[in-house]
Amino acid sequence: MQRILVIDDDESLRDTISVMLEREGFVPILADDGRTGFEKAVTLKPQLLLVDLRLPGMSGVEVCKQLRADRIQTPIIVLSAIGDEVDKVLLLEIGADDYLVKPFGTRELLARIRALLRRATPDTRAMRFGNVEVDFDRRTISCRGADVKLTPAEYNLLVFFLHNADRALSRDLILNSVWGYEAYPNTRTVDAHVVRLRQKLEPDPGLPRHFLTVHGVGYRFLP
């Protein structure tokens, strides 16, 4: 499970983010000051950091700069208060990858987290399930030895399923993770794309073995 370090001195916000992360299958690591957060980032090696700019002891800017100076490339999302001067130049200077201005919605935060984790995790291997082989490096799919053409959205959905095997995934979670909150389509979009994956990759689309419906929730992928 992916671990996310939250460095923020606002206890209420830390708790809110922690609950959201646990609900979405992440492991939250919490720190209430910059120095403690920096040490946890170095020793615990989380997959992503959420860093408040205004921290006691060691500011968020200092945390980011020191991590990059130590050649730690963990993705960082900066959390800034209204009035903080945050722009792309500052982000580049301190080594952050993205930022959110408080107050922000948990849906938006989750979408930013998942998008950044996808970019930070290169797909350089192949995976198989049933008669299907997916080459992440070449972005190619074959079924029973024959090439299968997927649209970009179908491919992204397939990759998301492969990376979340045997999990009950809600339609909202799939929408957030695959399409993103900015281009938020109807949940029927997910259903339509799952149908097309079944048609292209299942031995019998009418009796799916891999892309299963979880009634009242969404879908589960079984390799």
Protein backbone atom coordinates (compact mmCIF):
# COMPACT_ATOMS: atom_id res chain seq x y z
CA MET A 1 0.00 0.00 0.00
CA GLN A 2 1.22 3.49 -0.84
CA ARG A 3 2.22 5.71 2.07
CA ILE A 4 1.56 9.44 2.11
CA LEU A 5 3.25 11.77 4.59
CA VAL A 6 1.15 14.74 5.75
CA ILE A 7 3.20 17.57 7.31
CA ASP A 8 0.83 20.17 8.75
CA ASP A 9 0.46 21.77 12.18
CA ASP A 10 -3.33 22.04 11.83
CA GLU A 11 -4.51 19.00 13.80
CA SER A 12 -8.07 19.14 12.45
CA LEU A 13 -6.86 19.23 8.83
CA ARG A 14 -4.35 16.44 9.45
CA ASP A 15 -7.07 14.24 10.88
CA THR A 16 -9.44 14.99 8.00
CA ILE A 17 -6.80 14.15 5.39
CA SER A 18 -5.77 11.04 7.32
CA VAL A 19 -9.33 9.67 7.36
CA MET A 20 -9.72 10.38 3.63
CA LEU A 21 -6.42 8.65 2.79
CA GLU A 22 -7.28 5.56 4.83
CA ARG A 23 -10.71 5.36 3.19
CA GLU A 24 -9.08 5.44 -0.25
CA GLY A 25 -6.58 2.68 0.54
CA PHE A 26 -3.49 4.74 1.41
CA VAL A 27 -1.39 4.60 4.57
CA PRO A 28 -1.17 8.08 6.14
CA ILE A 29 1.93 9.19 8.05
CA LEU A 30 1.47 12.35 10.11
CA ALA A 31 3.83 15.06 11.33
CA ASP A 32 2.95 18.37 13.02
CA ASP A 33 6.20 20.29 12.47
CA GLY A 34 8.74 20.71 9.70
CA ARG A 35 11.72 19.05 11.36
CA THR A 36 9.78 15.91 12.31
CA GLY A 37 8.23 15.78 8.87
CA PHE A 38 11.61 16.06 7.17
CA GLU A 39 13.04 13.22 9.28
CA LYS A 40 10.03 10.98 8.49
CA ALA A 41 10.36 11.77 4.79
CA VAL A 42 13.98 10.63 4.87
CA THR A 43 13.60 7.55 7.06
CA LEU A 44 10.15 6.20 6.13
CA LYS A 45 10.39 6.90 2.38
CA PRO A 46 6.70 7.59 1.63
CA GLN A 47 5.44 7.63 -1.95
CA LEU A 48 4.17 11.23 -1.71
CA LEU A 49 4.33 14.25 0.62
CA LEU A 50 1.71 16.86 1.51
CA VAL A 51 3.61 19.83 2.98
CA ASP A 52 2.12 22.97 4.52
CA LEU A 53 4.19 26.07 3.75
CA ARG A 54 3.78 27.54 7.24
CA LEU A 55 5.28 25.08 9.71
CA PRO A 56 6.87 25.56 13.13
CA GLY A 57 10.56 24.82 13.53
CA MET A 58 11.31 24.30 9.86
CA SER A 59 9.16 25.92 7.18
CA GLY A 60 7.57 23.98 4.35
CA VAL A 61 9.81 25.81 1.90
CA GLU A 62 12.89 24.67 3.85
CA VAL A 63 11.58 21.08 4.03
CA CYS A 64 11.13 20.95 0.25
CA LYS A 65 14.47 22.57 -0.52
CA GLN A 66 16.39 20.30 1.87
CA LEU A 67 14.76 17.14 0.50
CA ARG A 68 15.72 18.10 -3.04
CA ALA A 69 19.22 19.10 -1.92
CA ASP A 70 19.55 15.58 -0.47
CA ARG A 71 18.43 14.19 -3.87
CA ILE A 72 15.17 12.81 -2.49
CA GLN A 73 12.75 12.92 -5.42
CA THR A 74 9.52 12.00 -3.59
CA PRO A 75 6.59 13.88 -5.21
CA ILE A 76 5.49 16.89 -3.15
CA ILE A 77 2.17 18.73 -3.04
CA VAL A 78 2.41 22.05 -1.21
CA LEU A 79 -0.54 23.18 0.92
CA SER A 80 -0.69 26.97 1.11
CA ALA A 81 -2.91 29.44 2.90
CA ILE A 82 -4.79 32.22 1.12
CA GLY A 83 -2.36 35.10 0.72
CA ASP A 84 0.78 32.96 0.43
CA GLU A 85 2.73 33.88 -2.68
CA VAL A 86 2.73 30.58 -4.55
CA ASP A 87 3.50 30.49 -8.23
CA LYS A 88 5.18 28.16 -10.69
CA VAL A 89 8.53 29.86 -10.20
CA LEU A 90 8.45 29.28 -6.44
CA LEU A 91 7.35 25.67 -6.97
CA LEU A 92 10.35 25.08 -9.24
CA GLU A 93 12.69 26.79 -6.83
CA ILE A 94 11.69 24.66 -3.86
CA GLY A 95 11.21 21.44 -5.85
CA ALA A 96 7.46 20.99 -5.32
CA ASP A 97 5.35 19.27 -7.98
CA ASP A 98 1.92 20.80 -7.31
CA TYR A 99 0.06 22.97 -4.82
CA LEU A 100 -3.39 23.53 -3.35
CA VAL A 101 -4.71 26.65 -1.65
CA LYS A 102 -6.63 26.18 1.61
CA PRO A 103 -9.47 25.58 2.02
CA PHE A 104 -9.72 22.81 -0.55
CA GLY A 105 -12.07 19.88 -1.09
CA THR A 106 -11.00 16.32 -0.37
CA ARG A 107 -12.15 15.28 -3.86
CA GLU A 108 -9.76 17.77 -5.44
CA LEU A 109 -6.90 16.75 -3.15
CA LEU A 110 -7.44 13.07 -3.92
CA ALA A 111 -7.47 13.73 -7.66
CA ARG A 112 -4.18 15.66 -7.41
CA ILE A 113 -2.62 12.87 -5.33
CA ARG A 114 -3.59 10.13 -7.75
CA ALA A 115 -2.52 12.12 -10.80
CA LEU A 116 0.89 12.82 -9.28
CA LEU A 117 1.39 9.22 -8.18
CA ARG A 118 0.59 8.04 -11.71
CA ARG A 119 3.19 10.38 -13.17
CA ALA A 120 5.77 9.38 -10.58
CA THR A 121 5.36 5.63 -11.14
CA PRO A 122 6.77 4.71 -14.54
CA ASP A 123 5.16 1.74 -16.21
CA THR A 124 8.21 -0.16 -17.47
CA ARG A 125 7.10 -3.75 -17.21
CA ALA A 126 4.61 -6.16 -18.66
CA MET A 127 1.70 -7.87 -16.94
CA ARG A 128 -0.45 -10.84 -17.93
CA PHE A 129 -3.94 -11.95 -17.01
CA GLY A 130 -5.77 -14.78 -18.72
CA ASN A 131 -4.86 -14.63 -22.42
CA VAL A 132 -3.99 -10.93 -22.26
CA GLU A 133 -0.53 -9.36 -22.09
CA VAL A 134 -0.01 -5.66 -21.39
CA ASP A 135 3.35 -4.07 -22.18
CA PHE A 136 3.43 -0.85 -20.19
CA ASP A 137 6.69 0.34 -21.71
CA ARG A 138 5.38 0.10 -25.29
CA ARG A 139 1.72 0.75 -24.35
CA THR A 140 0.61 -2.30 -26.32
CA ILE A 141 -1.97 -4.99 -25.54
CA SER A 142 -2.29 -8.42 -27.06
CA CYS A 143 -4.97 -11.07 -26.56
CA ARG A 144 -4.31 -14.65 -27.64
CA GLY A 145 -1.30 -13.36 -29.54
CA ALA A 146 -3.24 -10.76 -31.56
CA ASP A 147 -2.82 -7.01 -31.07
CA VAL A 148 -5.75 -5.24 -29.42
CA LYS A 149 -6.42 -1.56 -30.07
CA LEU A 150 -7.60 0.46 -27.08
CA THR A 151 -8.52 4.13 -26.94
CA PRO A 152 -6.45 6.27 -24.53
CA ALA A 153 -9.31 6.24 -22.00
CA GLU A 154 -9.72 2.46 -22.29
CA TYR A 155 -5.98 1.98 -21.80
CA ASN A 156 -5.88 4.26 -18.75
CA LEU A 157 -8.85 2.42 -17.24
CA LEU A 158 -7.17 -0.94 -17.85
CA VAL A 159 -3.95 0.26 -16.18
CA PHE A 160 -5.93 1.53 -13.19
CA PHE A 161 -7.62 -1.86 -12.83
CA LEU A 162 -4.28 -3.68 -13.09
CA HIS A 163 -2.77 -1.50 -10.37
CA ASN A 164 -5.77 -2.03 -8.08
CA ALA A 165 -6.42 -5.74 -8.56
CA ASP A 166 -8.99 -7.45 -6.33
CA ARG A 167 -10.28 -4.18 -4.86
CA ALA A 168 -13.90 -3.09 -4.92
CA LEU A 169 -13.68 0.22 -6.80
CA SER A 170 -16.55 2.68 -6.77
CA ARG A 171 -17.54 4.47 -9.96
CA ASP A 172 -16.69 7.83 -8.35
CA LEU A 173 -13.21 6.60 -7.42
CA ILE A 174 -12.64 5.34 -10.96
CA LEU A 175 -13.83 8.64 -12.42
CA ASN A 176 -11.53 10.66 -10.15
CA SER A 177 -8.52 8.46 -10.81
CA VAL A 178 -8.84 7.83 -14.55
CA TRP A 179 -10.58 10.95 -15.89
CA GLY A 180 -9.71 13.44 -13.12
CA TYR A 181 -11.89 15.93 -11.30
CA GLU A 182 -11.49 18.70 -13.92
CA ALA A 183 -13.11 16.64 -16.69
CA TYR A 184 -15.68 14.95 -14.51
CA PRO A 185 -17.97 12.87 -16.76
CA ASN A 186 -21.12 10.94 -15.94
CA THR A 187 -20.73 7.62 -14.09
CA ARG A 188 -22.23 5.94 -17.16
CA THR A 189 -18.92 6.73 -18.85
CA VAL A 190 -17.27 4.15 -16.59
CA ASP A 191 -19.91 1.54 -17.39
CA ALA A 192 -19.52 2.09 -21.13
CA HIS A 193 -15.74 1.76 -20.98
CA VAL A 194 -15.91 -1.39 -18.85
CA VAL A 195 -18.27 -2.92 -21.43
CA ARG A 196 -15.74 -2.16 -24.17
CA LEU A 197 -12.87 -3.68 -22.17
CA ARG A 198 -14.95 -6.82 -21.69
CA GLN A 199 -15.73 -6.98 -25.41
CA LYS A 200 -12.07 -6.64 -26.34
CA LEU A 201 -10.34 -8.66 -23.59
CA GLU A 202 -12.75 -11.14 -21.97
CA PRO A 203 -13.03 -14.72 -23.37
CA ASP A 204 -16.82 -14.37 -23.01
CA PRO A 205 -17.99 -10.74 -22.56
CA GLY A 206 -21.37 -11.99 -21.39
CA LEU A 207 -19.77 -13.96 -18.54
CA PRO A 208 -16.82 -11.80 -17.50
CA ARG A 209 -14.02 -13.43 -15.52
CA HIS A 210 -11.78 -10.39 -14.99
CA PHE A 211 -13.85 -7.18 -15.06
CA LEU A 212 -16.52 -7.99 -12.50
CA THR A 213 -19.49 -5.92 -11.39
CA VAL A 214 -19.79 -5.25 -7.65
CA HIS A 215 -23.48 -4.50 -7.24
CA GLY A 216 -24.17 -1.26 -5.41
CA VAL A 217 -20.50 -0.24 -5.57
CA GLY A 218 -18.81 -0.43 -8.95
CA TYR A 219 -16.27 -2.92 -10.26
CA ARG A 220 -13.54 -5.34 -9.21
CA PHE A 221 -10.70 -6.54 -11.45
CA LEU A 222 -9.53 -10.11 -10.93
CA PRO A 223 -6.37 -11.18 -12.77
